[in-house]
């Protein structure tokens, strides 16, 4: 009887061995989530790549701003042209002044005619 009880005492120790194996499996399972944790970092890499693309896209609007600046320069050059056109009316004003001078000279003539009479 004592031998049997001793053998039975041996068995629980074998059973005690099994939980440690289960702990090993649990450890392996703990390892797997860490591998899965690695994947999100890859997703983070994709996001950073997307950020890079977005920054590249941000560069494009600045190029568009450059084009707008060039167009702004062109429009400012066009603004310069009307000032040249503004020069022409002043020439026309000069002609009008000359015509006014002629008219005033003509006004003098009648007074001379009045003198004759």
PDB file of N, CA and C in Angstrom:
ATOM      1  N   UNK A   1       0.852  -1.193   0.000  1.00  0.00           N
ATOM      2  CA  UNK A   1       0.000   0.000   0.000  1.00  0.00           C
ATOM      3  C   UNK A   1       0.886   1.242   0.000  1.00  0.00           C
ATOM      4  N   UNK A   2       1.942   1.133   0.759  1.00  0.00           N
ATOM      5  CA  UNK A   2       2.833   2.282   0.809  1.00  0.00           C
ATOM      6  C   UNK A   2       3.482   2.508  -0.555  1.00  0.00           C
ATOM      7  N   UNK A   3       3.772   1.415  -1.262  1.00  0.00           N
ATOM      8  CA  UNK A   3       4.371   1.546  -2.585  1.00  0.00           C
ATOM      9  C   UNK A   3       3.392   2.217  -3.542  1.00  0.00           C
ATOM     10  N   UNK A   4       2.154   1.792  -3.482  1.00  0.00           N
ATOM     11  CA  UNK A   4       1.142   2.389  -4.361  1.00  0.00           C
ATOM     12  C   UNK A   4       0.989   3.881  -4.068  1.00  0.00           C
ATOM     13  N   UNK A   5       0.944   4.215  -2.812  1.00  0.00           N
ATOM     14  CA  UNK A   5       0.797   5.620  -2.457  1.00  0.00           C
ATOM     15  C   UNK A   5       2.018   6.400  -2.954  1.00  0.00           C
ATOM     16  N   UNK A   6       3.185   5.783  -2.908  1.00  0.00           N
ATOM     17  CA  UNK A   6       4.385   6.430  -3.421  1.00  0.00           C
ATOM     18  C   UNK A   6       4.272   6.629  -4.935  1.00  0.00           C
ATOM     19  N   UNK A   7       3.782   5.623  -5.643  1.00  0.00           N
ATOM     20  CA  UNK A   7       3.608   5.731  -7.087  1.00  0.00           C
ATOM     21  C   UNK A   7       2.593   6.832  -7.413  1.00  0.00           C
ATOM     22  N   UNK A   8       1.554   6.903  -6.612  1.00  0.00           N
ATOM     23  CA  UNK A   8       0.549   7.932  -6.836  1.00  0.00           C
ATOM     24  C   UNK A   8       1.144   9.312  -6.555  1.00  0.00           C
ATOM     25  N   UNK A   9       2.047   9.354  -5.592  1.00  0.00           N
ATOM     26  CA  UNK A   9       2.719  10.618  -5.316  1.00  0.00           C
ATOM     27  C   UNK A   9       3.592  11.010  -6.512  1.00  0.00           C
ATOM     28  N   UNK A  10       4.125  10.040  -7.215  1.00  0.00           N
ATOM     29  CA  UNK A  10       4.954  10.298  -8.384  1.00  0.00           C
ATOM     30  C   UNK A  10       4.112  10.885  -9.524  1.00  0.00           C
ATOM     31  N   UNK A  11       2.923  10.381  -9.673  1.00  0.00           N
ATOM     32  CA  UNK A  11       2.069  10.840 -10.766  1.00  0.00           C
ATOM     33  C   UNK A  11       1.765  12.340 -10.686  1.00  0.00           C
ATOM     34  N   UNK A  12       1.388  12.831  -9.515  1.00  0.00           N
ATOM     35  CA  UNK A  12       1.120  14.274  -9.495  1.00  0.00           C
ATOM     36  C   UNK A  12       2.336  15.092  -9.926  1.00  0.00           C
ATOM     37  N   UNK A  13       3.504  14.618  -9.651  1.00  0.00           N
ATOM     38  CA  UNK A  13       4.686  15.363 -10.068  1.00  0.00           C
ATOM     39  C   UNK A  13       4.775  15.381 -11.594  1.00  0.00           C
ATOM     40  N   UNK A  14       4.358  14.285 -12.259  1.00  0.00           N
ATOM     41  CA  UNK A  14       4.313  14.269 -13.720  1.00  0.00           C
ATOM     42  C   UNK A  14       3.276  15.269 -14.213  1.00  0.00           C
ATOM     43  N   UNK A  15       2.172  15.338 -13.501  1.00  0.00           N
ATOM     44  CA  UNK A  15       1.135  16.291 -13.873  1.00  0.00           C
ATOM     45  C   UNK A  15       1.632  17.719 -13.651  1.00  0.00           C
ATOM     46  N   UNK A  16       2.461  17.868 -12.639  1.00  0.00           N
ATOM     47  CA  UNK A  16       3.050  19.183 -12.411  1.00  0.00           C
ATOM     48  C   UNK A  16       3.943  19.567 -13.590  1.00  0.00           C
ATOM     49  N   UNK A  17       4.529  18.585 -14.229  1.00  0.00           N
ATOM     50  CA  UNK A  17       5.373  18.828 -15.389  1.00  0.00           C
ATOM     51  C   UNK A  17       4.536  19.385 -16.550  1.00  0.00           C
ATOM     52  N   UNK A  18       3.346  18.881 -16.714  1.00  0.00           N
ATOM     53  CA  UNK A  18       2.503  19.311 -17.829  1.00  0.00           C
ATOM     54  C   UNK A  18       2.182  20.814 -17.793  1.00  0.00           C
ATOM     55  N   UNK A  19       1.805  21.348 -16.660  1.00  0.00           N
ATOM     56  CA  UNK A  19       1.521  22.791 -16.682  1.00  0.00           C
ATOM     57  C   UNK A  19       2.708  23.612 -17.164  1.00  0.00           C
ATOM     58  N   UNK A  20       3.901  23.157 -16.871  1.00  0.00           N
ATOM     59  CA  UNK A  20       5.062  23.904 -17.347  1.00  0.00           C
ATOM     60  C   UNK A  20       5.109  23.861 -18.874  1.00  0.00           C
ATOM     61  N   UNK A  21       4.707  22.717 -19.466  1.00  0.00           N
ATOM     62  CA  UNK A  21       4.627  22.630 -20.922  1.00  0.00           C
ATOM     63  C   UNK A  21       3.562  23.600 -21.430  1.00  0.00           C
ATOM     64  N   UNK A  22       2.468  23.664 -20.705  1.00  0.00           N
ATOM     65  CA  UNK A  22       1.406  24.591 -21.095  1.00  0.00           C
ATOM     66  C   UNK A  22       1.904  26.033 -20.982  1.00  0.00           C
ATOM     67  N   UNK A  23       2.721  26.267 -19.972  1.00  0.00           N
ATOM     68  CA  UNK A  23       3.305  27.597 -19.828  1.00  0.00           C
ATOM     69  C   UNK A  23       4.188  27.911 -21.033  1.00  0.00           C
ATOM     70  N   UNK A  24       4.897  26.876 -21.515  1.00  0.00           N
ATOM     71  CA  UNK A  24       5.734  27.054 -22.700  1.00  0.00           C
ATOM     72  C   UNK A  24       4.862  27.444 -23.896  1.00  0.00           C
ATOM     73  N   UNK A  25       3.735  26.742 -24.043  1.00  0.00           N
ATOM     74  CA  UNK A  25       2.822  27.062 -25.138  1.00  0.00           C
ATOM     75  C   UNK A  25       2.293  28.486 -24.977  1.00  0.00           C
ATOM     76  N   UNK A  26       1.982  28.821 -23.735  1.00  0.00           N
ATOM     77  CA  UNK A  26       1.483  30.166 -23.472  1.00  0.00           C
ATOM     78  C   UNK A  26       2.558  31.189 -23.830  1.00  0.00           C
ATOM     79  N   UNK A  27       3.812  30.861 -23.518  1.00  0.00           N
ATOM     80  CA  UNK A  27       4.927  31.742 -23.868  1.00  0.00           C
ATOM     81  C   UNK A  27       5.025  31.890 -25.384  1.00  0.00           C
ATOM     82  N   UNK A  28       4.873  30.756 -26.093  1.00  0.00           N
ATOM     83  CA  UNK A  28       4.919  30.800 -27.550  1.00  0.00           C
ATOM     84  C   UNK A  28       3.791  31.685 -28.080  1.00  0.00           C
ATOM     85  N   UNK A  29       2.634  31.574 -27.457  1.00  0.00           N
ATOM     86  CA  UNK A  29       1.510  32.398 -27.881  1.00  0.00           C
ATOM     87  C   UNK A  29       1.791  33.868 -27.569  1.00  0.00           C
ATOM     88  N   UNK A  30       2.486  34.092 -26.467  1.00  0.00           N
ATOM     89  CA  UNK A  30       2.867  35.462 -26.145  1.00  0.00           C
ATOM     90  C   UNK A  30       3.835  35.996 -27.201  1.00  0.00           C
ATOM     91  N   UNK A  31       4.667  35.108 -27.731  1.00  0.00           N
ATOM     92  CA  UNK A  31       5.612  35.494 -28.771  1.00  0.00           C
ATOM     93  C   UNK A  31       4.862  35.909 -30.042  1.00  0.00           C
ATOM     94  N   UNK A  32       3.801  35.197 -30.367  1.00  0.00           N
ATOM     95  CA  UNK A  32       3.046  35.500 -31.585  1.00  0.00           C
ATOM     96  C   UNK A  32       2.482  36.923 -31.577  1.00  0.00           C
ATOM     97  N   UNK A  33       1.858  37.334 -30.486  1.00  0.00           N
ATOM     98  CA  UNK A  33       1.359  38.720 -30.518  1.00  0.00           C
ATOM     99  C   UNK A  33       2.463  39.738 -30.763  1.00  0.00           C
ATOM    100  N   UNK A  34       3.666  39.447 -30.264  1.00  0.00           N
ATOM    101  CA  UNK A  34       4.762  40.387 -30.499  1.00  0.00           C
ATOM    102  C   UNK A  34       5.088  40.436 -31.991  1.00  0.00           C
ATOM    103  N   UNK A  35       4.969  39.276 -32.675  1.00  0.00           N
ATOM    104  CA  UNK A  35       5.162  39.253 -34.124  1.00  0.00           C
ATOM    105  C   UNK A  35       4.058  40.070 -34.792  1.00  0.00           C
ATOM    106  N   UNK A  36       2.853  39.934 -34.258  1.00  0.00           N
ATOM    107  CA  UNK A  36       1.736  40.696 -34.807  1.00  0.00           C
ATOM    108  C   UNK A  36       1.941  42.187 -34.542  1.00  0.00           C
ATOM    109  N   UNK A  37       2.573  42.490 -33.422  1.00  0.00           N
ATOM    110  CA  UNK A  37       2.871  43.888 -33.122  1.00  0.00           C
ATOM    111  C   UNK A  37       3.844  44.453 -34.153  1.00  0.00           C
ATOM    112  N   UNK A  38       4.669  43.580 -34.706  1.00  0.00           N
ATOM    113  CA  UNK A  38       5.610  44.011 -35.734  1.00  0.00           C
ATOM    114  C   UNK A  38       4.858  44.474 -36.990  1.00  0.00           C
ATOM    115  N   UNK A  39       3.763  43.837 -37.304  1.00  0.00           N
ATOM    116  CA  UNK A  39       3.004  44.187 -38.505  1.00  0.00           C
ATOM    117  C   UNK A  39       2.470  45.623 -38.466  1.00  0.00           C
ATOM    118  N   UNK A  40       1.898  46.033 -37.346  1.00  0.00           N
ATOM    119  CA  UNK A  40       1.436  47.433 -37.344  1.00  0.00           C
ATOM    120  C   UNK A  40       2.548  48.428 -37.636  1.00  0.00           C
ATOM    121  N   UNK A  41       3.768  48.082 -37.234  1.00  0.00           N
ATOM    122  CA  UNK A  41       4.875  48.997 -37.539  1.00  0.00           C
ATOM    123  C   UNK A  41       5.067  49.082 -39.050  1.00  0.00           C
ATOM    124  N   UNK A  42       4.828  47.942 -39.748  1.00  0.00           N
ATOM    125  CA  UNK A  42       4.880  47.963 -41.208  1.00  0.00           C
ATOM    126  C   UNK A  42       3.781  48.876 -41.736  1.00  0.00           C
ATOM    127  N   UNK A  43       2.620  48.809 -41.091  1.00  0.00           N
ATOM    128  CA  UNK A  43       1.523  49.690 -41.492  1.00  0.00           C
ATOM    129  C   UNK A  43       1.902  51.143 -41.218  1.00  0.00           C
ATOM    130  N   UNK A  44       2.620  51.343 -40.125  1.00  0.00           N
ATOM    131  CA  UNK A  44       3.102  52.688 -39.829  1.00  0.00           C
ATOM    132  C   UNK A  44       4.060  53.150 -40.918  1.00  0.00           C
ATOM    133  N   UNK A  45       4.850  52.199 -41.443  1.00  0.00           N
ATOM    134  CA  UNK A  45       5.763  52.520 -42.535  1.00  0.00           C
ATOM    135  C   UNK A  45       4.969  52.989 -43.749  1.00  0.00           C
ATOM    136  N   UNK A  46       3.872  52.286 -44.037  1.00  0.00           N
ATOM    137  CA  UNK A  46       3.041  52.676 -45.170  1.00  0.00           C
ATOM    138  C   UNK A  46       2.481  54.075 -44.948  1.00  0.00           C
ATOM    139  N   UNK A  47       2.055  54.318 -43.717  1.00  0.00           N
ATOM    140  CA  UNK A  47       1.499  55.632 -43.404  1.00  0.00           C
ATOM    141  C   UNK A  47       2.570  56.698 -43.592  1.00  0.00           C
ATOM    142  N   UNK A  48       3.792  56.382 -43.162  1.00  0.00           N
ATOM    143  CA  UNK A  48       4.873  57.356 -43.334  1.00  0.00           C
ATOM    144  C   UNK A  48       5.157  57.563 -44.814  1.00  0.00           C
ATOM    145  N   UNK A  49       5.054  56.472 -45.607  1.00  0.00           N
ATOM    146  CA  UNK A  49       5.219  56.603 -47.057  1.00  0.00           C
ATOM    147  C   UNK A  49       4.113  57.493 -47.610  1.00  0.00           C
ATOM    148  N   UNK A  50       2.902  57.313 -47.080  1.00  0.00           N
ATOM    149  CA  UNK A  50       1.787  58.149 -47.521  1.00  0.00           C
ATOM    150  C   UNK A  50       2.043  59.596 -47.129  1.00  0.00           C
ATOM    151  N   UNK A  51       2.641  59.773 -45.949  1.00  0.00           N
ATOM    152  CA  UNK A  51       2.991  61.126 -45.527  1.00  0.00           C
ATOM    153  C   UNK A  51       4.006  61.723 -46.498  1.00  0.00           C
ATOM    154  N   UNK A  52       4.949  60.870 -46.955  1.00  0.00           N
ATOM    155  CA  UNK A  52       5.940  61.326 -47.926  1.00  0.00           C
ATOM    156  C   UNK A  52       5.239  61.760 -49.208  1.00  0.00           C
ATOM    157  N   UNK A  53       4.271  60.948 -49.649  1.00  0.00           N
ATOM    158  CA  UNK A  53       3.533  61.297 -50.853  1.00  0.00           C
ATOM    159  C   UNK A  53       2.786  62.605 -50.637  1.00  0.00           C
ATOM    160  N   UNK A  54       2.203  62.734 -49.445  1.00  0.00           N
ATOM    161  CA  UNK A  54       1.462  63.958 -49.144  1.00  0.00           C
ATOM    162  C   UNK A  54       2.407  65.150 -49.163  1.00  0.00           C
ATOM    163  N   UNK A  55       3.610  64.965 -48.620  1.00  0.00           N
ATOM    164  CA  UNK A  55       4.577  66.067 -48.632  1.00  0.00           C
ATOM    165  C   UNK A  55       4.984  66.383 -50.062  1.00  0.00           C
ATOM    166  N   UNK A  56       5.099  65.326 -50.906  1.00  0.00           N
ATOM    167  CA  UNK A  56       5.396  65.558 -52.318  1.00  0.00           C
ATOM    168  C   UNK A  56       4.250  66.329 -52.954  1.00  0.00           C
ATOM    169  N   UNK A  57       3.022  65.991 -52.564  1.00  0.00           N
ATOM    170  CA  UNK A  57       1.865  66.707 -53.087  1.00  0.00           C
ATOM    171  C   UNK A  57       1.864  68.142 -52.573  1.00  0.00           C
ATOM    172  N   UNK A  58       2.356  68.322 -51.344  1.00  0.00           N
ATOM    173  CA  UNK A  58       2.465  69.676 -50.815  1.00  0.00           C
ATOM    174  C   UNK A  58       3.462  70.479 -51.648  1.00  0.00           C
ATOM    175  N   UNK A  59       4.476  69.794 -52.171  1.00  0.00           N
ATOM    176  CA  UNK A  59       5.458  70.456 -53.021  1.00  0.00           C
ATOM    177  C   UNK A  59       4.799  70.941 -54.314  1.00  0.00           C
ATOM    178  N   UNK A  60       3.865  70.165 -54.836  1.00  0.00           N
ATOM    179  CA  UNK A  60       3.209  70.534 -56.087  1.00  0.00           C
ATOM    180  C   UNK A  60       2.471  71.870 -55.976  1.00  0.00           C
ATOM    181  N   UNK A  61       1.692  72.072 -54.898  1.00  0.00           N
ATOM    182  CA  UNK A  61       1.041  73.389 -54.825  1.00  0.00           C
ATOM    183  C   UNK A  61       2.029  74.544 -54.826  1.00  0.00           C
ATOM    184  N   UNK A  62       3.200  74.346 -54.231  1.00  0.00           N
ATOM    185  CA  UNK A  62       4.191  75.422 -54.245  1.00  0.00           C
ATOM    186  C   UNK A  62       4.641  75.689 -55.678  1.00  0.00           C
ATOM    187  N   UNK A  63       4.745  74.607 -56.483  1.00  0.00           N
ATOM    188  CA  UNK A  63       5.063  74.786 -57.899  1.00  0.00           C
ATOM    189  C   UNK A  63       3.936  75.560 -58.572  1.00  0.00           C
ATOM    190  N   UNK A  64       2.702  75.243 -58.179  1.00  0.00           N
ATOM    191  CA  UNK A  64       1.559  75.960 -58.735  1.00  0.00           C
ATOM    192  C   UNK A  64       1.595  77.420 -58.295  1.00  0.00           C
ATOM    193  N   UNK A  65       2.040  77.635 -57.058  1.00  0.00           N
ATOM    194  CA  UNK A  65       2.179  79.007 -56.584  1.00  0.00           C
ATOM    195  C   UNK A  65       3.212  79.743 -57.428  1.00  0.00           C
ATOM    196  N   UNK A  66       4.284  79.025 -57.802  1.00  0.00           N
ATOM    197  CA  UNK A  66       5.310  79.626 -58.657  1.00  0.00           C
ATOM    198  C   UNK A  66       4.697  80.028 -59.994  1.00  0.00           C
ATOM    199  N   UNK A  67       3.863  79.152 -60.544  1.00  0.00           N
ATOM    200  CA  UNK A  67       3.200  79.467 -61.804  1.00  0.00           C
ATOM    201  C   UNK A  67       2.309  80.689 -61.626  1.00  0.00           C
ATOM    202  N   UNK A  68       1.608  80.721 -60.488  1.00  0.00           N
ATOM    203  CA  UNK A  68       0.734  81.860 -60.222  1.00  0.00           C
ATOM    204  C   UNK A  68       1.561  83.135 -60.113  1.00  0.00           C
ATOM    205  N   UNK A  69       2.740  83.018 -59.481  1.00  0.00           N
ATOM    206  CA  UNK A  69       3.636  84.172 -59.385  1.00  0.00           C
ATOM    207  C   UNK A  69       4.070  84.629 -60.768  1.00  0.00           C
ATOM    208  N   UNK A  70       4.423  83.649 -61.625  1.00  0.00           N
ATOM    209  CA  UNK A  70       4.823  83.993 -62.990  1.00  0.00           C
ATOM    210  C   UNK A  70       3.667  84.671 -63.709  1.00  0.00           C
ATOM    211  N   UNK A  71       2.453  84.153 -63.498  1.00  0.00           N
ATOM    212  CA  UNK A  71       1.285  84.768 -64.126  1.00  0.00           C
ATOM    213  C   UNK A  71       1.063  86.157 -63.552  1.00  0.00           C
ATOM    214  N   UNK A  72       1.346  86.284 -62.243  1.00  0.00           N
ATOM    215  CA  UNK A  72       1.237  87.591 -61.611  1.00  0.00           C
ATOM    216  C   UNK A  72       2.222  88.570 -62.224  1.00  0.00           C
ATOM    217  N   UNK A  73       3.432  88.075 -62.529  1.00  0.00           N
ATOM    218  CA  UNK A  73       4.435  88.925 -63.178  1.00  0.00           C
ATOM    219  C   UNK A  73       3.943  89.338 -64.557  1.00  0.00           C
ATOM    220  N   UNK A  74       3.353  88.360 -65.263  1.00  0.00           N
ATOM    221  CA  UNK A  74       2.840  88.665 -66.598  1.00  0.00           C
ATOM    222  C   UNK A  74       1.756  89.730 -66.513  1.00  0.00           C
ATOM    223  N   UNK A  75       0.860  89.563 -65.508  1.00  0.00           N
ATOM    224  CA  UNK A  75      -0.226  90.534 -65.382  1.00  0.00           C
ATOM    225  C   UNK A  75       0.347  91.893 -65.002  1.00  0.00           C
ATOM    226  N   UNK A  76       1.423  91.893 -64.191  1.00  0.00           N
ATOM    227  CA  UNK A  76       2.037  93.175 -63.835  1.00  0.00           C
ATOM    228  C   UNK A  76       2.681  93.800 -65.069  1.00  0.00           C
ATOM    229  N   UNK A  77       3.259  92.948 -65.946  1.00  0.00           N
ATOM    230  CA  UNK A  77       3.797  93.458 -67.209  1.00  0.00           C
ATOM    231  C   UNK A  77       2.666  94.041 -68.044  1.00  0.00           C
ATOM    232  N   UNK A  78       1.516  93.368 -68.001  1.00  0.00           N
ATOM    233  CA  UNK A  78       0.361  93.875 -68.732  1.00  0.00           C
ATOM    234  C   UNK A  78      -0.121  95.180 -68.111  1.00  0.00           C
ATOM    235  N   UNK A  79       0.042  95.295 -66.779  1.00  0.00           N
ATOM    236  CA  UNK A  79      -0.328  96.542 -66.116  1.00  0.00           C
ATOM    237  C   UNK A  79       0.580  97.671 -66.597  1.00  0.00           C
ATOM    238  N   UNK A  80       1.815  97.335 -66.941  1.00  0.00           N
ATOM    239  CA  UNK A  80       2.745  98.336 -67.452  1.00  0.00           C
ATOM    240  C   UNK A  80       2.265  98.866 -68.808  1.00  0.00           C
ATOM    241  N   UNK A  81       1.690  98.019 -69.621  1.00  0.00           N
ATOM    242  CA  UNK A  81       1.226  98.431 -70.943  1.00  0.00           C
ATOM    243  C   UNK A  81       0.164  99.533 -70.872  1.00  0.00           C
ATOM    244  N   UNK A  82      -0.845  99.394 -70.003  1.00  0.00           N
ATOM    245  CA  UNK A  82      -1.825 100.489 -69.965  1.00  0.00           C
ATOM    246  C   UNK A  82      -1.201 101.835 -69.637  1.00  0.00           C
ATOM    247  N   UNK A  83      -0.122 101.829 -68.850  1.00  0.00           N
ATOM    248  CA  UNK A  83       0.521 103.107 -68.547  1.00  0.00           C
ATOM    249  C   UNK A  83       1.091 103.710 -69.833  1.00  0.00           C
ATOM    250  N   UNK A  84       1.571 102.855 -70.755  1.00  0.00           N
ATOM    251  CA  UNK A  84       2.028 103.344 -72.056  1.00  0.00           C
ATOM    252  C   UNK A  84       0.843 103.938 -72.813  1.00  0.00           C
ATOM    253  N   UNK A  85      -0.308 103.280 -72.681  1.00  0.00           N
ATOM    254  CA  UNK A  85      -1.508 103.793 -73.340  1.00  0.00           C
ATOM    255  C   UNK A  85      -1.942 105.101 -72.688  1.00  0.00           C
ATOM    256  N   UNK A  86      -1.677 105.218 -71.385  1.00  0.00           N
ATOM    257  CA  UNK A  86      -2.011 106.462 -70.702  1.00  0.00           C
ATOM    258  C   UNK A  86      -1.162 107.604 -71.256  1.00  0.00           C
ATOM    259  N   UNK A  87       0.017 107.283 -71.761  1.00  0.00           N
ATOM    260  CA  UNK A  87       0.879 108.302 -72.348  1.00  0.00           C
ATOM    261  C   UNK A  87       0.220 108.897 -73.595  1.00  0.00           C
ATOM    262  N   UNK A  88      -0.472 108.105 -74.354  1.00  0.00           N
ATOM    263  CA  UNK A  88      -1.103 108.580 -75.582  1.00  0.00           C
ATOM    264  C   UNK A  88      -2.156 109.662 -75.321  1.00  0.00           C
ATOM    265  N   UNK A  89      -3.039 109.456 -74.351  1.00  0.00           N
ATOM    266  CA  UNK A  89      -4.022 110.535 -74.134  1.00  0.00           C
ATOM    267  C   UNK A  89      -3.375 111.868 -73.803  1.00  0.00           C
ATOM    268  N   UNK A  90      -2.243 111.833 -73.114  1.00  0.00           N
ATOM    269  CA  UNK A  90      -1.586 113.105 -72.804  1.00  0.00           C
ATOM    270  C   UNK A  90      -1.127 113.772 -74.102  1.00  0.00           C
ATOM    271  N   UNK A  91      -0.707 112.975 -75.100  1.00  0.00           N
ATOM    272  CA  UNK A  91      -0.358 113.534 -76.404  1.00  0.00           C
ATOM    273  C   UNK A  91      -1.602 114.146 -77.038  1.00  0.00           C
ATOM    274  N   UNK A  92      -2.727 113.448 -76.859  1.00  0.00           N
ATOM    275  CA  UNK A  92      -3.978 113.979 -77.405  1.00  0.00           C
ATOM    276  C   UNK A  92      -4.354 115.263 -76.691  1.00  0.00           C
ATOM    277  N   UNK A  93      -4.055 115.329 -75.389  1.00  0.00           N
ATOM    278  CA  UNK A  93      -4.320 116.552 -74.649  1.00  0.00           C
ATOM    279  C   UNK A  93      -3.456 117.682 -75.200  1.00  0.00           C
ATOM    280  N   UNK A  94      -2.225 117.340 -75.563  1.00  0.00           N
ATOM    281  CA  UNK A  94      -1.336 118.342 -76.155  1.00  0.00           C
ATOM    282  C   UNK A  94      -1.942 118.870 -77.447  1.00  0.00           C
ATOM    283  N   UNK A  95      -2.468 117.975 -78.277  1.00  0.00           N
ATOM    284  CA  UNK A  95      -3.098 118.390 -79.529  1.00  0.00           C
ATOM    285  C   UNK A  95      -4.301 119.279 -79.233  1.00  0.00           C
ATOM    286  N   UNK A  96      -5.059 118.896 -78.215  1.00  0.00           N
ATOM    287  CA  UNK A  96      -6.238 119.689 -77.856  1.00  0.00           C
ATOM    288  C   UNK A  96      -5.807 121.075 -77.398  1.00  0.00           C
ATOM    289  N   UNK A  97      -4.708 121.137 -76.635  1.00  0.00           N
ATOM    290  CA  UNK A  97      -4.188 122.429 -76.205  1.00  0.00           C
ATOM    291  C   UNK A  97      -3.789 123.267 -77.412  1.00  0.00           C
ATOM    292  N   UNK A  98      -3.123 122.629 -78.387  1.00  0.00           N
ATOM    293  CA  UNK A  98      -2.725 123.349 -79.595  1.00  0.00           C
ATOM    294  C   UNK A  98      -3.962 123.872 -80.312  1.00  0.00           C
ATOM    295  N   UNK A  99      -5.014 123.067 -80.354  1.00  0.00           N
ATOM    296  CA  UNK A  99      -6.254 123.501 -81.003  1.00  0.00           C
ATOM    297  C   UNK A  99      -6.865 124.657 -80.235  1.00  0.00           C
ATOM    298  N   UNK A 100      -6.746 124.604 -78.899  1.00  0.00           N
ATOM    299  CA  UNK A 100      -7.255 125.706 -78.095  1.00  0.00           C
ATOM    300  C   UNK A 100      -6.457 126.970 -78.397  1.00  0.00           C
ATOM    301  N   UNK A 101      -5.153 126.813 -78.585  1.00  0.00           N
ATOM    302  CA  UNK A 101      -4.304 127.956 -78.898  1.00  0.00           C
ATOM    303  C   UNK A 101      -4.737 128.561 -80.229  1.00  0.00           C
ATOM    304  N   UNK A 102      -4.990 127.700 -81.214  1.00  0.00           N
ATOM    305  CA  UNK A 102      -5.412 128.187 -82.521  1.00  0.00           C
ATOM    306  C   UNK A 102      -6.728 128.938 -82.396  1.00  0.00           C
ATOM    307  N   UNK A 103      -7.618 128.387 -81.590  1.00  0.00           N
ATOM    308  CA  UNK A 103      -8.923 129.028 -81.427  1.00  0.00           C
ATOM    309  C   UNK A 103      -8.753 130.385 -80.770  1.00  0.00           C
ATOM    310  N   UNK A 104      -7.861 130.461 -79.805  1.00  0.00           N
ATOM    311  CA  UNK A 104      -7.662 131.754 -79.139  1.00  0.00           C
ATOM    312  C   UNK A 104      -7.042 132.744 -80.124  1.00  0.00           C
ATOM    313  N   UNK A 105      -6.180 132.265 -81.010  1.00  0.00           N
ATOM    314  CA  UNK A 105      -5.620 133.137 -82.044  1.00  0.00           C
ATOM    315  C   UNK A 105      -6.731 133.611 -82.969  1.00  0.00           C
ATOM    316  N   UNK A 106      -7.662 132.703 -83.256  1.00  0.00           N
ATOM    317  CA  UNK A 106      -8.784 133.078 -84.108  1.00  0.00           C
ATOM    318  C   UNK A 106      -9.666 134.091 -83.393  1.00  0.00           C
ATOM    319  N   UNK A 107      -9.721 133.959 -82.050  1.00  0.00           N
ATOM    320  CA  UNK A 107     -10.502 134.935 -81.294  1.00  0.00           C
ATOM    321  C   UNK A 107      -9.845 136.309 -81.400  1.00  0.00           C
ATOM    322  N   UNK A 108      -8.530 136.339 -81.502  1.00  0.00           N
ATOM    323  CA  UNK A 108      -7.829 137.609 -81.622  1.00  0.00           C
ATOM    324  C   UNK A 108      -8.160 138.258 -82.962  1.00  0.00           C
ATOM    325  N   UNK A 109      -8.285 137.464 -83.990  1.00  0.00           N
ATOM    326  CA  UNK A 109      -8.546 138.027 -85.312  1.00  0.00           C
ATOM    327  C   UNK A 109      -9.824 138.862 -85.351  1.00  0.00           C
ATOM    328  N   UNK A 110     -10.903 138.344 -84.788  1.00  0.00           N
ATOM    329  CA  UNK A 110     -12.101 139.195 -84.868  1.00  0.00           C
ATOM    330  C   UNK A 110     -11.887 140.536 -84.190  1.00  0.00           C
ATOM    331  N   UNK A 111     -11.113 140.530 -83.129  1.00  0.00           N
ATOM    332  CA  UNK A 111     -10.889 141.819 -82.469  1.00  0.00           C
ATOM    333  C   UNK A 111     -10.116 142.756 -83.393  1.00  0.00           C
ATOM    334  N   UNK A 112      -9.202 142.192 -84.188  1.00  0.00           N
ATOM    335  CA  UNK A 112      -8.487 143.005 -85.169  1.00  0.00           C
ATOM    336  C   UNK A 112      -9.477 143.511 -86.212  1.00  0.00           C
ATOM    337  N   UNK A 113     -10.406 142.634 -86.580  1.00  0.00           N
ATOM    338  CA  UNK A 113     -11.417 143.038 -87.554  1.00  0.00           C
ATOM    339  C   UNK A 113     -12.298 144.128 -86.961  1.00  0.00           C
ATOM    340  N   UNK A 114     -12.539 144.000 -85.651  1.00  0.00           N
ATOM    341  CA  UNK A 114     -13.339 145.027 -85.003  1.00  0.00           C
ATOM    342  C   UNK A 114     -12.589 146.357 -85.035  1.00  0.00           C
ATOM    343  N   UNK A 115     -11.278 146.265 -84.912  1.00  0.00           N
ATOM    344  CA  UNK A 115     -10.468 147.465 -84.930  1.00  0.00           C
ATOM    345  C   UNK A 115     -10.567 148.142 -86.300  1.00  0.00           C
ATOM    346  N   UNK A 116     -10.573 147.329 -87.349  1.00  0.00           N
ATOM    347  CA  UNK A 116     -10.628 147.879 -88.697  1.00  0.00           C
ATOM    348  C   UNK A 116     -11.950 148.605 -88.920  1.00  0.00           C
ATOM    349  N   UNK A 117     -12.970 147.998 -88.411  1.00  0.00           N
ATOM    350  CA  UNK A 117     -14.253 148.633 -88.644  1.00  0.00           C
ATOM    351  C   UNK A 117     -14.295 149.911 -87.833  1.00  0.00           C
TER     352      UNK A 117
END
